[in-house]
Amino acid sequence: ILSCPSPEELEIARGLAAEAGFIEGPQVFWSPPKKSVQQKPRYGIVYYSALCS
């Protein structure tokens, strides 16, 4: 979980997520969905920036 990432930190996270094949969603990078997602965990990078000042 990234809390209040700087633009530079977010770019690093975005690069790592893209390298791992993650899918970008609203404030999260998800691992690619599996066929049986209920039986397998999904991994993600979650970031919060809306409440940062």
PDB file of N, CA and C in Angstrom:
ATOM      1  N   ILE A   1       0.862  -1.181   0.000  1.00  0.00           N
ATOM      2  CA  ILE A   1       0.000   0.000   0.000  1.00  0.00           C
ATOM      3  C   ILE A   1       0.898   1.231   0.000  1.00  0.00           C
ATOM      4  N   LEU A   2       0.647   2.104  -0.943  1.00  0.00           N
ATOM      5  CA  LEU A   2       1.363   3.377  -0.989  1.00  0.00           C
ATOM      6  C   LEU A   2       0.428   4.459  -0.482  1.00  0.00           C
ATOM      7  N   SER A   3       0.868   5.200   0.510  1.00  0.00           N
ATOM      8  CA  SER A   3       0.046   6.280   1.045  1.00  0.00           C
ATOM      9  C   SER A   3       0.633   7.608   0.602  1.00  0.00           C
ATOM     10  N   CYS A   4      -0.159   8.391  -0.079  1.00  0.00           N
ATOM     11  CA  CYS A   4       0.257   9.706  -0.573  1.00  0.00           C
ATOM     12  C   CYS A   4       1.551   9.636  -1.384  1.00  0.00           C
ATOM     13  N   PRO A   5       1.590   8.816  -2.429  1.00  0.00           N
ATOM     14  CA  PRO A   5       2.824   8.729  -3.205  1.00  0.00           C
ATOM     15  C   PRO A   5       3.096  10.023  -3.963  1.00  0.00           C
ATOM     16  N   SER A   6       4.368  10.358  -4.052  1.00  0.00           N
ATOM     17  CA  SER A   6       4.755  11.502  -4.881  1.00  0.00           C
ATOM     18  C   SER A   6       4.610  11.085  -6.340  1.00  0.00           C
ATOM     19  N   PRO A   7       4.584  12.027  -7.268  1.00  0.00           N
ATOM     20  CA  PRO A   7       4.508  11.652  -8.684  1.00  0.00           C
ATOM     21  C   PRO A   7       5.650  10.720  -9.094  1.00  0.00           C
ATOM     22  N   GLU A   8       6.839  10.935  -8.520  1.00  0.00           N
ATOM     23  CA  GLU A   8       7.978  10.072  -8.840  1.00  0.00           C
ATOM     24  C   GLU A   8       7.749   8.656  -8.318  1.00  0.00           C
ATOM     25  N   GLU A   9       7.250   8.549  -7.085  1.00  0.00           N
ATOM     26  CA  GLU A   9       6.977   7.229  -6.512  1.00  0.00           C
ATOM     27  C   GLU A   9       5.897   6.508  -7.309  1.00  0.00           C
ATOM     28  N   LEU A  10       4.897   7.257  -7.752  1.00  0.00           N
ATOM     29  CA  LEU A  10       3.817   6.652  -8.524  1.00  0.00           C
ATOM     30  C   LEU A  10       4.333   6.151  -9.870  1.00  0.00           C
ATOM     31  N   GLU A  11       5.249   6.880 -10.480  1.00  0.00           N
ATOM     32  CA  GLU A  11       5.843   6.438 -11.745  1.00  0.00           C
ATOM     33  C   GLU A  11       6.651   5.165 -11.551  1.00  0.00           C
ATOM     34  N   ILE A  12       7.394   5.074 -10.440  1.00  0.00           N
ATOM     35  CA  ILE A  12       8.158   3.859 -10.140  1.00  0.00           C
ATOM     36  C   ILE A  12       7.200   2.683  -9.967  1.00  0.00           C
ATOM     37  N   ALA A  13       6.126   2.894  -9.189  1.00  0.00           N
ATOM     38  CA  ALA A  13       5.139   1.834  -8.967  1.00  0.00           C
ATOM     39  C   ALA A  13       4.480   1.438 -10.282  1.00  0.00           C
ATOM     40  N   ARG A  14       4.173   2.429 -11.127  1.00  0.00           N
ATOM     41  CA  ARG A  14       3.537   2.151 -12.418  1.00  0.00           C
ATOM     42  C   ARG A  14       4.472   1.321 -13.294  1.00  0.00           C
ATOM     43  N   GLY A  15       5.746   1.658 -13.281  1.00  0.00           N
ATOM     44  CA  GLY A  15       6.724   0.899 -14.064  1.00  0.00           C
ATOM     45  C   GLY A  15       6.857  -0.532 -13.585  1.00  0.00           C
ATOM     46  N   LEU A  16       6.927  -0.716 -12.270  1.00  0.00           N
ATOM     47  CA  LEU A  16       7.032  -2.068 -11.710  1.00  0.00           C
ATOM     48  C   LEU A  16       5.772  -2.872 -12.010  1.00  0.00           C
ATOM     49  N   ALA A  17       4.611  -2.230 -11.888  1.00  0.00           N
ATOM     50  CA  ALA A  17       3.345  -2.913 -12.149  1.00  0.00           C
ATOM     51  C   ALA A  17       3.260  -3.330 -13.616  1.00  0.00           C
ATOM     52  N   ALA A  18       3.674  -2.445 -14.520  1.00  0.00           N
ATOM     53  CA  ALA A  18       3.632  -2.772 -15.947  1.00  0.00           C
ATOM     54  C   ALA A  18       4.586  -3.915 -16.262  1.00  0.00           C
ATOM     55  N   GLU A  19       5.759  -3.892 -15.628  1.00  0.00           N
ATOM     56  CA  GLU A  19       6.745  -4.954 -15.847  1.00  0.00           C
ATOM     57  C   GLU A  19       6.205  -6.301 -15.391  1.00  0.00           C
ATOM     58  N   ALA A  20       5.404  -6.289 -14.318  1.00  0.00           N
ATOM     59  CA  ALA A  20       4.831  -7.523 -13.782  1.00  0.00           C
ATOM     60  C   ALA A  20       3.553  -7.922 -14.512  1.00  0.00           C
ATOM     61  N   GLY A  21       3.104  -7.100 -15.465  1.00  0.00           N
ATOM     62  CA  GLY A  21       1.887  -7.423 -16.199  1.00  0.00           C
ATOM     63  C   GLY A  21       0.618  -7.072 -15.449  1.00  0.00           C
ATOM     64  N   PHE A  22       0.723  -6.175 -14.483  1.00  0.00           N
ATOM     65  CA  PHE A  22      -0.454  -5.785 -13.722  1.00  0.00           C
ATOM     66  C   PHE A  22      -1.345  -4.886 -14.568  1.00  0.00           C
ATOM     67  N   ILE A  23      -2.614  -4.841 -14.202  1.00  0.00           N
ATOM     68  CA  ILE A  23      -3.612  -4.039 -14.896  1.00  0.00           C
ATOM     69  C   ILE A  23      -3.922  -2.842 -14.005  1.00  0.00           C
ATOM     70  N   GLU A  24      -3.930  -1.651 -14.571  1.00  0.00           N
ATOM     71  CA  GLU A  24      -4.186  -0.461 -13.761  1.00  0.00           C
ATOM     72  C   GLU A  24      -5.673  -0.184 -13.664  1.00  0.00           C
ATOM     73  N   GLY A  25      -6.140  -0.013 -12.442  1.00  0.00           N
ATOM     74  CA  GLY A  25      -7.521   0.370 -12.182  1.00  0.00           C
ATOM     75  C   GLY A  25      -7.512   1.662 -11.392  1.00  0.00           C
ATOM     76  N   PRO A  26      -8.675   2.118 -10.927  1.00  0.00           N
ATOM     77  CA  PRO A  26      -8.705   3.348 -10.139  1.00  0.00           C
ATOM     78  C   PRO A  26      -7.979   3.156  -8.808  1.00  0.00           C
ATOM     79  N   GLN A  27      -6.874   3.844  -8.633  1.00  0.00           N
ATOM     80  CA  GLN A  27      -6.047   3.803  -7.430  1.00  0.00           C
ATOM     81  C   GLN A  27      -5.549   2.406  -7.073  1.00  0.00           C
ATOM     82  N   VAL A  28      -5.404   1.538  -8.053  1.00  0.00           N
ATOM     83  CA  VAL A  28      -4.867   0.207  -7.767  1.00  0.00           C
ATOM     84  C   VAL A  28      -4.272  -0.379  -9.038  1.00  0.00           C
ATOM     85  N   PHE A  29      -3.248  -1.188  -8.866  1.00  0.00           N
ATOM     86  CA  PHE A  29      -2.715  -1.992  -9.969  1.00  0.00           C
ATOM     87  C   PHE A  29      -3.007  -3.441  -9.611  1.00  0.00           C
ATOM     88  N   TRP A  30      -3.803  -4.131 -10.421  1.00  0.00           N
ATOM     89  CA  TRP A  30      -4.165  -5.519 -10.135  1.00  0.00           C
ATOM     90  C   TRP A  30      -3.305  -6.481 -10.925  1.00  0.00           C
ATOM     91  N   SER A  31      -3.030  -7.625 -10.317  1.00  0.00           N
ATOM     92  CA  SER A  31      -2.409  -8.699 -11.074  1.00  0.00           C
ATOM     93  C   SER A  31      -3.432  -9.177 -12.104  1.00  0.00           C
ATOM     94  N   PRO A  32      -2.973  -9.787 -13.189  1.00  0.00           N
ATOM     95  CA  PRO A  32      -3.917 -10.249 -14.215  1.00  0.00           C
ATOM     96  C   PRO A  32      -4.939 -11.218 -13.628  1.00  0.00           C
ATOM     97  N   PRO A  33      -6.188 -11.115 -14.033  1.00  0.00           N
ATOM     98  CA  PRO A  33      -7.213 -12.011 -13.497  1.00  0.00           C
ATOM     99  C   PRO A  33      -6.968 -13.455 -13.912  1.00  0.00           C
ATOM    100  N   LYS A  34      -7.246 -14.354 -12.996  1.00  0.00           N
ATOM    101  CA  LYS A  34      -7.125 -15.787 -13.281  1.00  0.00           C
ATOM    102  C   LYS A  34      -8.500 -16.320 -13.685  1.00  0.00           C
ATOM    103  N   LYS A  35      -8.507 -17.522 -14.242  1.00  0.00           N
ATOM    104  CA  LYS A  35      -9.790 -18.095 -14.668  1.00  0.00           C
ATOM    105  C   LYS A  35     -10.684 -18.369 -13.469  1.00  0.00           C
ATOM    106  N   SER A  36     -10.092 -18.820 -12.371  1.00  0.00           N
ATOM    107  CA  SER A  36     -10.898 -19.080 -11.169  1.00  0.00           C
ATOM    108  C   SER A  36     -10.426 -18.128 -10.076  1.00  0.00           C
ATOM    109  N   VAL A  37     -10.855 -16.897 -10.185  1.00  0.00           N
ATOM    110  CA  VAL A  37     -10.354 -15.853  -9.284  1.00  0.00           C
ATOM    111  C   VAL A  37     -10.804 -16.074  -7.841  1.00  0.00           C
ATOM    112  N   GLN A  38     -11.904 -16.794  -7.644  1.00  0.00           N
ATOM    113  CA  GLN A  38     -12.377 -17.046  -6.287  1.00  0.00           C
ATOM    114  C   GLN A  38     -11.422 -17.983  -5.542  1.00  0.00           C
ATOM    115  N   GLN A  39     -10.761 -18.867  -6.274  1.00  0.00           N
ATOM    116  CA  GLN A  39      -9.904 -19.851  -5.627  1.00  0.00           C
ATOM    117  C   GLN A  39      -8.464 -19.376  -5.498  1.00  0.00           C
ATOM    118  N   LYS A  40      -8.094 -18.363  -6.261  1.00  0.00           N
ATOM    119  CA  LYS A  40      -6.718 -17.883  -6.217  1.00  0.00           C
ATOM    120  C   LYS A  40      -6.700 -16.424  -5.800  1.00  0.00           C
ATOM    121  N   PRO A  41      -5.761 -16.056  -4.938  1.00  0.00           N
ATOM    122  CA  PRO A  41      -5.693 -14.645  -4.546  1.00  0.00           C
ATOM    123  C   PRO A  41      -5.197 -13.781  -5.691  1.00  0.00           C
ATOM    124  N   ARG A  42      -5.631 -12.534  -5.695  1.00  0.00           N
ATOM    125  CA  ARG A  42      -5.106 -11.560  -6.646  1.00  0.00           C
ATOM    126  C   ARG A  42      -4.228 -10.611  -5.860  1.00  0.00           C
ATOM    127  N   TYR A  43      -3.143 -10.225  -6.479  1.00  0.00           N
ATOM    128  CA  TYR A  43      -2.212  -9.328  -5.812  1.00  0.00           C
ATOM    129  C   TYR A  43      -2.329  -7.956  -6.436  1.00  0.00           C
ATOM    130  N   GLY A  44      -2.104  -6.941  -5.649  1.00  0.00           N
ATOM    131  CA  GLY A  44      -2.211  -5.599  -6.194  1.00  0.00           C
ATOM    132  C   GLY A  44      -1.383  -4.598  -5.415  1.00  0.00           C
ATOM    133  N   ILE A  45      -1.176  -3.465  -6.041  1.00  0.00           N
ATOM    134  CA  ILE A  45      -0.547  -2.321  -5.392  1.00  0.00           C
ATOM    135  C   ILE A  45      -1.644  -1.273  -5.272  1.00  0.00           C
ATOM    136  N   VAL A  46      -1.956  -0.894  -4.050  1.00  0.00           N
ATOM    137  CA  VAL A  46      -3.018   0.081  -3.818  1.00  0.00           C
ATOM    138  C   VAL A  46      -2.364   1.397  -3.420  1.00  0.00           C
ATOM    139  N   TYR A  47      -2.845   2.478  -3.978  1.00  0.00           N
ATOM    140  CA  TYR A  47      -2.290   3.776  -3.585  1.00  0.00           C
ATOM    141  C   TYR A  47      -3.410   4.759  -3.283  1.00  0.00           C
ATOM    142  N   TYR A  48      -3.159   5.596  -2.292  1.00  0.00           N
ATOM    143  CA  TYR A  48      -4.130   6.599  -1.863  1.00  0.00           C
ATOM    144  C   TYR A  48      -3.530   7.971  -2.091  1.00  0.00           C
ATOM    145  N   SER A  49      -4.192   8.787  -2.871  1.00  0.00           N
ATOM    146  CA  SER A  49      -3.704  10.146  -3.071  1.00  0.00           C
ATOM    147  C   SER A  49      -4.817  11.188  -2.942  1.00  0.00           C
ATOM    148  N   ALA A  50      -6.059  10.753  -2.856  1.00  0.00           N
ATOM    149  CA  ALA A  50      -7.183  11.693  -2.843  1.00  0.00           C
ATOM    150  C   ALA A  50      -7.191  12.574  -1.593  1.00  0.00           C
ATOM    151  N   LEU A  51      -6.773  12.026  -0.456  1.00  0.00           N
ATOM    152  CA  LEU A  51      -6.849  12.773   0.793  1.00  0.00           C
ATOM    153  C   LEU A  51      -5.534  13.450   1.155  1.00  0.00           C
ATOM    154  N   CYS A  52      -4.576  13.430   0.271  1.00  0.00           N
ATOM    155  CA  CYS A  52      -3.266  14.007   0.557  1.00  0.00           C
ATOM    156  C   CYS A  52      -3.279  15.508   0.278  1.00  0.00           C
ATOM    157  N   SER A  53      -2.519  16.212   1.078  1.00  0.00           N
ATOM    158  CA  SER A  53      -2.442  17.658   0.860  1.00  0.00           C
ATOM    159  C   SER A  53      -1.006  18.068   0.553  1.00  0.00           C
TER     160      SER A  53
END
